[in-house]
Amino acid sequence: MKMMIAALLALAPALQDVGKDAPSLKLKGVDGKEYDLAALSKDKVVVIVSWSFDCPSGQPVVPRANAIGEKLAGNDKVVYLGVSSYGDVADKLAAYSKEKELKYVLVHDEGKTFAKTVGAKQVNSAFVFAKGKLFWRGGITAKGDDPLLTVVEAAISGTPAPAPNKFSG
């Protein structure tokens, strides 16, 4: 089993490494806007949480993700997105976002382009891009024992990122 996991990780995309260029991806939000990851991350800190409302481990994280969105709201240096690459339907995502009054934009990644490019294999993975590069990758937790806000603050201030937390996917 360990050999199979190692083999799968070896096949993972090149963006596994912090410091790599942000991929040139255009992501469409349920707000109708298009978000160009490479272009945005040159001038802004882009925070992306890999997300799915149909995943039992994803649901408990929604309040934490929303609390982060509230703290980042109005910060013109940050773009915060929740990307669904796990089969969620775009219309359902838009309705859910409105119903739950999410403080960040959900993106429908129907072709799983984002997930494949960054190697996201599960929900609750988090990615922070700054200065056109992958600044940090890790995870977000329901308990809030993750460093995501600290990472965003480091990216904004230009200080080094904290070490990644346990990241499985």
Foldseek 3Di string as FASTA:
>chain_A
DVVVVVVVVVVAAPQQDFPAFFDQDWWAWLVRDIDGRLVLQQQAKEKEFAADPVDPQRVLQQVVQQVVLVVCPPPPRYAYEYEYADPDDSVVQSVVCVVVVRSHIYTYPPVCVVCRNNVPDDGQKMWIGHSRTTQAIEGTHSVRPACVVVQNVCRVVVHHGDHHDHHDD
